[in-house]
């Protein structure tokens, strides 16, 4: 049973929060062994399907203002989102991949990219999209990053790493556009698994950063750090792990959330002061990159629903996320203080993955 399967099963019978918090430190050893198989690429963050109602938090405006460092009295939010476009995938359970689309922030579809893969991410300048070669993966054809344009045309397959035994999956581009920080794995040799870095130009100049059950890195706005999710055996609920931050220069990694507190999917705020992630089950959380001020975004979601895969708006004022309810998923946005909940799409998709707001 792979991590996705365990996470989905856990979602149906575990209804508790994991509150134990071990002390985080740099350079923790030994590194965790990798447990993912091909199905692992389907992303644990999609456990949002079948989410149960989450507990609501009543927090005063003064406390919220202090939590986000504003020091000012909050004013009512308006449900008017900044203009822009959003990349997201509609998941197909039969093939364990997603069909990628771009919509405007008012929910109007701009383009069906015609591209099927497990992940997608805008380049920092918003002119290209980083995705992966899942559909072409096979013997002698390891997983590699692919660059496509906003119309869905293939620009380049980044196969400069001449290592047929190393799969290079999902990741993100550094702010200067020169490198891609991404997950690497080998199903026959788990010691190869971890976070890697390659050149954006051709996929060469492979550099290893971590060792462990590590995936889905997201690079900080200043390009010095990457947040990622790590799993290890015995962590509950099944399929969950912890958020880590790795220094891209030294390769030192630090755990910043408790074990069992996160599903895959992290996102840096534009100013680099917060990391957003999904906590079991269907709860949106933020934390500083040093692990301080961990707390929930106090949004009141519809009964029987849950949120997943939070990501920031380019202006840092909103969190974009997937809301799943009654077997259907749609894109929503909410202000950091929990106000202004706004539905963006009206879709019949059972699962959505990887939403990301196009950079300004």
Protein backbone atom coordinates (compact mmCIF):
# COMPACT_ATOMS: atom_id res chain seq x y z
CA UNK A 1 0.00 0.00 0.00
CA UNK A 2 1.54 3.33 -1.03
CA UNK A 3 1.44 6.59 0.89
CA UNK A 4 -1.56 7.91 -1.06
CA UNK A 5 -3.56 4.78 -0.26
CA UNK A 6 -2.66 4.96 3.42
CA UNK A 7 -3.54 8.64 3.58
CA UNK A 8 -6.92 8.10 1.95
CA UNK A 9 -7.74 5.24 4.30
CA UNK A 10 -6.66 7.30 7.27
CA UNK A 11 -8.90 10.15 6.19
CA UNK A 12 -11.94 7.96 6.66
CA UNK A 13 -11.24 6.76 10.18
CA UNK A 14 -8.90 9.20 11.91
CA UNK A 15 -10.45 12.39 13.26
CA UNK A 16 -7.81 13.77 15.52
CA UNK A 17 -5.07 16.37 15.46
CA UNK A 18 -1.49 15.42 16.11
CA UNK A 19 -0.21 17.82 18.77
CA UNK A 20 3.15 16.38 19.79
CA UNK A 21 6.04 18.64 18.82
CA UNK A 22 9.60 17.32 18.93
CA UNK A 23 12.45 19.83 19.04
CA UNK A 24 13.74 20.76 15.57
CA UNK A 25 17.45 21.01 14.82
CA UNK A 26 19.81 21.31 11.88
CA UNK A 27 21.51 18.25 10.50
CA UNK A 28 19.34 15.58 12.10
CA UNK A 29 20.52 11.99 11.51
CA UNK A 30 19.99 9.36 10.45
CA UNK A 31 18.15 10.44 7.32
CA UNK A 32 14.82 8.76 6.63
CA UNK A 33 14.54 6.06 3.97
CA UNK A 34 12.38 6.67 0.93
CA UNK A 35 9.14 4.65 0.70
CA UNK A 36 7.43 5.94 -2.40
CA UNK A 37 6.60 3.95 -5.55
CA UNK A 38 5.29 5.21 -8.90
CA UNK A 39 1.88 5.87 -7.35
CA UNK A 40 3.66 8.12 -4.85
CA UNK A 41 3.76 10.70 -7.62
CA UNK A 42 0.02 11.17 -7.28
CA UNK A 43 0.61 13.55 -4.39
CA UNK A 44 -0.52 13.00 -0.81
CA UNK A 45 -2.07 16.42 -0.73
CA UNK A 46 -5.07 15.08 -2.58
CA UNK A 47 -6.35 13.40 0.57
CA UNK A 48 -8.73 16.34 0.58
CA UNK A 49 -11.24 14.09 -1.21
CA UNK A 50 -13.58 12.84 1.48
CA UNK A 51 -12.53 15.38 4.08
CA UNK A 52 -14.74 15.83 7.14
CA UNK A 53 -15.87 19.05 8.73
CA UNK A 54 -13.11 20.80 10.59
CA UNK A 55 -13.34 22.44 13.99
CA UNK A 56 -13.88 26.19 13.89
CA UNK A 57 -11.70 28.65 15.74
CA UNK A 58 -13.06 31.89 17.18
CA UNK A 59 -10.24 34.40 17.36
CA UNK A 60 -10.46 38.10 18.12
CA UNK A 61 -9.35 40.69 15.58
CA UNK A 62 -6.68 41.96 17.94
CA UNK A 63 -5.12 38.51 18.30
CA UNK A 64 -5.20 37.96 14.55
CA UNK A 65 -3.58 41.29 13.87
CA UNK A 66 -0.81 40.45 16.30
CA UNK A 67 -0.37 36.99 14.78
CA UNK A 68 0.35 38.48 11.38
CA UNK A 69 2.37 41.35 12.70
CA UNK A 70 0.09 44.14 11.49
CA UNK A 71 -0.54 45.74 14.87
CA UNK A 72 -3.60 47.39 13.37
CA UNK A 73 -7.32 46.93 13.80
CA UNK A 74 -8.76 44.66 11.14
CA UNK A 75 -11.27 45.93 8.63
CA UNK A 76 -13.90 43.78 6.91
CA UNK A 77 -12.57 42.08 3.78
CA UNK A 78 -14.24 42.38 0.44
CA UNK A 79 -14.69 39.30 -1.75
CA UNK A 80 -12.99 41.01 -4.68
CA UNK A 81 -9.87 39.17 -5.75
CA UNK A 82 -6.91 40.76 -7.51
CA UNK A 83 -6.94 40.14 -11.25
CA UNK A 84 -4.67 37.45 -12.64
CA UNK A 85 -4.57 33.85 -13.80
CA UNK A 86 -4.33 30.57 -11.92
CA UNK A 87 -2.72 27.30 -12.99
CA UNK A 88 -4.29 24.10 -11.62
CA UNK A 89 -4.85 20.44 -12.45
CA UNK A 90 -7.99 18.31 -12.53
CA UNK A 91 -7.05 14.87 -11.26
CA UNK A 92 -7.88 11.67 -13.15
CA UNK A 93 -7.85 8.74 -10.73
CA UNK A 94 -7.73 6.21 -13.57
CA UNK A 95 -4.33 7.38 -14.82
CA UNK A 96 -3.07 8.98 -11.59
CA UNK A 97 -2.30 12.25 -13.36
CA UNK A 98 -3.92 15.64 -13.82
CA UNK A 99 -5.06 17.63 -16.82
CA UNK A 100 -3.74 21.18 -16.48
CA UNK A 101 -5.71 24.35 -17.08
CA UNK A 102 -5.42 28.10 -16.56
CA UNK A 103 -8.34 30.17 -15.29
CA UNK A 104 -8.77 33.81 -14.41
CA UNK A 105 -9.44 34.80 -10.80
CA UNK A 106 -13.11 35.24 -11.67
CA UNK A 107 -13.28 31.57 -12.70
CA UNK A 108 -13.31 32.00 -16.48
CA UNK A 109 -11.20 29.35 -18.20
CA UNK A 110 -8.46 30.96 -20.24
CA UNK A 111 -6.85 27.86 -21.71
CA UNK A 112 -6.88 24.08 -21.50
CA UNK A 113 -3.17 23.33 -21.74
CA UNK A 114 -3.75 19.84 -23.10
CA UNK A 115 -0.96 18.64 -20.81
CA UNK A 116 -1.23 15.65 -18.47
CA UNK A 117 1.21 15.33 -15.55
CA UNK A 118 1.32 15.10 -11.78
CA UNK A 119 2.40 18.69 -11.15
CA UNK A 120 2.71 22.19 -12.57
CA UNK A 121 4.33 25.44 -11.42
CA UNK A 122 4.77 28.91 -12.89
CA UNK A 123 8.26 30.22 -13.57
CA UNK A 124 9.00 33.27 -11.38
CA UNK A 125 8.42 35.65 -14.32
CA UNK A 126 5.11 34.01 -15.24
CA UNK A 127 6.12 33.41 -18.87
CA UNK A 128 6.55 29.61 -18.71
CA UNK A 129 5.30 26.61 -16.77
CA UNK A 130 7.41 23.90 -15.14
CA UNK A 131 5.83 20.46 -15.28
CA UNK A 132 7.00 16.84 -15.68
CA UNK A 133 7.21 14.05 -18.27
CA UNK A 134 4.92 11.58 -16.47
CA UNK A 135 3.06 10.59 -19.63
CA UNK A 136 6.33 9.62 -21.34
CA UNK A 137 7.91 7.86 -18.39
CA UNK A 138 8.97 4.24 -18.96
CA UNK A 139 11.96 1.91 -19.36
CA UNK A 140 14.93 3.96 -20.45
CA UNK A 141 12.85 7.15 -20.08
CA UNK A 142 13.18 8.40 -16.49
CA UNK A 143 10.96 11.16 -15.18
CA UNK A 144 12.30 14.58 -16.13
CA UNK A 145 11.18 18.22 -15.80
CA UNK A 146 9.45 19.72 -18.82
CA UNK A 147 9.01 23.40 -19.68
CA UNK A 148 5.86 24.42 -21.56
CA UNK A 149 4.50 27.80 -22.57
CA UNK A 150 1.17 29.22 -21.29
CA UNK A 151 -0.55 27.88 -24.39
CA UNK A 152 0.52 24.30 -23.65
CA UNK A 153 3.27 23.90 -26.26
CA UNK A 154 6.37 21.97 -25.19
CA UNK A 155 9.38 24.25 -25.00
CA UNK A 156 11.95 21.75 -23.74
CA UNK A 157 12.46 18.49 -21.88
CA UNK A 158 15.25 19.10 -19.35
CA UNK A 159 17.12 15.80 -19.67
CA UNK A 160 20.66 17.06 -19.10
CA UNK A 161 21.16 14.71 -16.14
CA UNK A 162 22.61 11.58 -17.73
CA UNK A 163 21.47 9.14 -15.06
CA UNK A 164 18.72 6.77 -16.21
CA UNK A 165 18.31 5.38 -12.68
CA UNK A 166 17.44 8.71 -11.08
CA UNK A 167 13.89 10.04 -11.49
CA UNK A 168 13.58 13.83 -11.24
CA UNK A 169 10.06 14.93 -10.40
CA UNK A 170 8.23 17.99 -9.15
CA UNK A 171 9.78 21.16 -7.86
CA UNK A 172 10.13 24.91 -8.33
CA UNK A 173 12.36 27.42 -10.09
CA UNK A 174 14.63 29.74 -8.12
CA UNK A 175 13.69 33.44 -8.21
CA UNK A 176 16.55 34.29 -10.57
CA UNK A 177 15.39 31.58 -12.98
CA UNK A 178 18.75 29.80 -13.05
CA UNK A 179 18.04 26.59 -11.09
CA UNK A 180 15.24 24.11 -10.38
CA UNK A 181 14.94 22.60 -6.91
CA UNK A 182 13.07 19.32 -7.18
CA UNK A 183 12.54 15.84 -5.78
CA UNK A 184 14.65 12.90 -6.95
CA UNK A 185 14.11 9.21 -6.30
CA UNK A 186 15.01 5.67 -7.31
CA UNK A 187 12.52 2.94 -6.48
CA UNK A 188 15.17 0.21 -6.43
CA UNK A 189 17.68 2.20 -4.38
CA UNK A 190 16.06 4.41 -1.73
CA UNK A 191 19.45 5.82 -0.72
CA UNK A 192 19.27 7.99 -3.87
CA UNK A 193 16.10 9.74 -2.75
CA UNK A 194 15.90 13.36 -1.60
CA UNK A 195 15.87 16.95 -2.83
CA UNK A 196 18.13 17.90 -5.75
CA UNK A 197 18.98 20.98 -7.81
CA UNK A 198 19.63 21.26 -11.56
CA UNK A 199 20.22 23.98 -14.16
CA UNK A 200 17.14 25.50 -15.74
CA UNK A 201 18.83 25.76 -19.13
CA UNK A 202 19.22 22.03 -19.80
CA UNK A 203 18.61 20.04 -16.60
CA UNK A 204 22.32 19.39 -16.05
CA UNK A 205 24.71 20.21 -13.19
CA UNK A 206 22.94 17.90 -10.73
CA UNK A 207 23.45 18.82 -7.07
CA UNK A 208 22.10 16.85 -4.12
CA UNK A 209 20.66 18.74 -1.15
CA UNK A 210 18.94 16.22 1.17
CA UNK A 211 18.45 12.52 1.81
CA UNK A 212 15.08 11.20 2.90
CA UNK A 213 11.43 10.76 2.04
CA UNK A 214 11.42 14.32 0.75
CA UNK A 215 9.23 15.89 -1.89
CA UNK A 216 7.62 18.93 -3.43
CA UNK A 217 10.13 21.69 -2.57
CA UNK A 218 9.15 25.34 -2.87
CA UNK A 219 11.89 27.99 -3.01
CA UNK A 220 11.89 31.09 -0.79
CA UNK A 221 11.53 34.51 -2.46
CA UNK A 222 15.18 35.37 -1.75
CA UNK A 223 16.38 32.07 -3.23
CA UNK A 224 18.31 30.95 -0.15
CA UNK A 225 15.94 28.33 1.30
CA UNK A 226 13.43 25.71 0.18
CA UNK A 227 10.50 24.33 2.13
CA UNK A 228 9.55 20.70 1.61
CA UNK A 229 7.61 17.85 3.20
CA UNK A 230 9.35 14.82 4.71
CA UNK A 231 7.68 11.56 5.70
CA UNK A 232 9.08 8.70 7.76
CA UNK A 233 7.88 5.27 8.93
CA UNK A 234 5.47 5.17 11.84
CA UNK A 235 4.21 8.75 11.56
CA UNK A 236 0.48 9.15 12.09
CA UNK A 237 -1.87 9.92 10.51
CA UNK A 238 -0.78 7.74 7.62
CA UNK A 239 0.60 9.70 4.68
CA UNK A 240 1.45 12.73 6.79
CA UNK A 241 4.87 14.07 7.69
CA UNK A 242 6.50 17.33 8.72
CA UNK A 243 7.50 20.56 7.02
CA UNK A 244 11.26 21.08 6.70
CA UNK A 245 13.37 23.98 5.46
CA UNK A 246 16.72 23.39 3.75
CA UNK A 247 19.49 25.93 3.20
CA UNK A 248 20.26 25.79 -0.54
CA UNK A 249 23.85 26.78 0.09
CA UNK A 250 24.86 24.40 2.87
CA UNK A 251 22.23 21.68 2.47
CA UNK A 252 21.42 21.81 6.19
CA UNK A 253 17.77 20.92 6.89
CA UNK A 254 15.59 21.92 9.83
CA UNK A 255 12.19 20.55 10.80
CA UNK A 256 9.76 23.40 11.57
CA UNK A 257 6.48 21.58 12.33
CA UNK A 258 5.59 18.53 14.47
CA UNK A 259 5.68 15.09 12.90
CA UNK A 260 2.27 14.15 11.53
CA UNK A 261 1.23 17.78 11.17
CA UNK A 262 1.44 18.21 7.38
CA UNK A 263 0.43 16.73 4.07
CA UNK A 264 2.39 17.51 0.90
CA UNK A 265 2.30 21.04 -0.40
CA UNK A 266 4.06 24.13 0.98
CA UNK A 267 4.06 27.72 -0.24
CA UNK A 268 6.13 30.79 0.73
CA UNK A 269 4.51 34.17 1.19
CA UNK A 270 5.84 36.77 -1.28
CA UNK A 271 7.76 38.54 1.50
CA UNK A 272 9.31 35.28 2.73
CA UNK A 273 7.99 35.58 6.29
CA UNK A 274 5.40 32.79 6.22
CA UNK A 275 5.03 29.24 4.89
CA UNK A 276 1.51 27.93 4.25
CA UNK A 277 0.64 24.22 4.31
CA UNK A 278 -2.22 21.78 4.87
CA UNK A 279 -2.61 20.12 8.24
CA UNK A 280 -4.74 16.95 8.62
CA UNK A 281 -7.52 17.06 7.82
CA UNK A 282 -8.50 19.90 5.54
CA UNK A 283 -7.07 22.63 7.77
CA UNK A 284 -4.95 25.51 6.51
CA UNK A 285 -1.92 26.53 8.59
CA UNK A 286 0.92 29.03 8.42
CA UNK A 287 4.30 29.13 10.19
CA UNK A 288 7.43 31.26 10.12
CA UNK A 289 10.42 29.63 8.36
CA UNK A 290 12.17 29.27 11.73
CA UNK A 291 9.24 27.24 13.08
CA UNK A 292 7.73 29.96 15.27
CA UNK A 293 4.13 31.19 15.46
CA UNK A 294 2.56 28.04 14.03
CA UNK A 295 -1.18 28.62 13.82
CA UNK A 296 -4.32 27.90 11.84
CA UNK A 297 -5.91 30.27 9.35
CA UNK A 298 -9.30 30.75 11.05
CA UNK A 299 -11.52 30.32 8.00
CA UNK A 300 -15.05 29.02 8.44
CA UNK A 301 -15.50 26.48 5.64
CA UNK A 302 -18.86 25.03 4.58
CA UNK A 303 -20.02 22.08 6.69
CA UNK A 304 -18.54 18.76 5.61
CA UNK A 305 -15.72 20.35 3.61
CA UNK A 306 -11.97 20.74 3.92
CA UNK A 307 -9.19 22.78 2.36
CA UNK A 308 -5.91 21.62 0.86
CA UNK A 309 -2.85 22.82 -1.08
CA UNK A 310 -2.78 26.46 0.06
CA UNK A 311 -0.70 28.87 -2.02
CA UNK A 312 -0.27 32.64 -1.85
CA UNK A 313 -1.58 35.40 -4.07
CA UNK A 314 1.20 37.51 -5.64
CA UNK A 315 0.32 40.45 -3.36
CA UNK A 316 0.48 38.27 -0.23
CA UNK A 317 -3.05 39.20 0.85
CA UNK A 318 -4.85 35.94 0.00
CA UNK A 319 -4.44 32.20 0.23
CA UNK A 320 -5.64 30.21 -2.77
CA UNK A 321 -6.63 26.61 -1.99
CA UNK A 322 -8.69 23.61 -3.06
CA UNK A 323 -11.96 23.08 -1.20
CA UNK A 324 -13.48 19.61 -1.39
CA UNK A 325 -17.08 18.90 -0.45
CA UNK A 326 -19.55 16.17 -1.37
CA UNK A 327 -17.11 14.59 -3.82
CA UNK A 328 -16.43 17.80 -5.75
CA UNK A 329 -13.41 20.12 -5.64
CA UNK A 330 -13.17 23.81 -6.50
CA UNK A 331 -10.74 26.67 -6.10
CA UNK A 332 -11.34 29.16 -3.31
CA UNK A 333 -9.45 32.10 -1.84
CA UNK A 334 -9.46 33.58 1.65
CA UNK A 335 -7.69 36.39 3.44
CA UNK A 336 -5.06 35.41 6.00
CA UNK A 337 -7.33 36.45 8.85
CA UNK A 338 -10.03 34.05 7.66
CA UNK A 339 -12.34 36.60 6.05
CA UNK A 340 -13.50 37.13 2.48
CA UNK A 341 -13.91 33.45 1.55
CA UNK A 342 -14.47 33.51 -2.21
CA UNK A 343 -15.27 30.71 -4.64
CA UNK A 344 -13.35 30.94 -7.92
CA UNK A 345 -14.34 27.90 -9.98
CA UNK A 346 -17.61 26.02 -10.38
CA UNK A 347 -16.45 22.59 -11.47
CA UNK A 348 -17.61 19.00 -11.35
CA UNK A 349 -14.05 17.75 -10.89
CA UNK A 350 -13.73 15.26 -8.03
CA UNK A 351 -10.17 16.38 -7.26
CA UNK A 352 -8.05 19.42 -8.04
CA UNK A 353 -4.32 19.70 -7.47
CA UNK A 354 -1.48 22.20 -7.47
CA UNK A 355 -3.23 25.56 -7.82
CA UNK A 356 -0.80 28.45 -8.14
CA UNK A 357 -1.41 32.14 -8.83
CA UNK A 358 0.56 33.55 -11.76
CA UNK A 359 3.33 35.90 -10.53
CA UNK A 360 2.88 39.62 -11.04
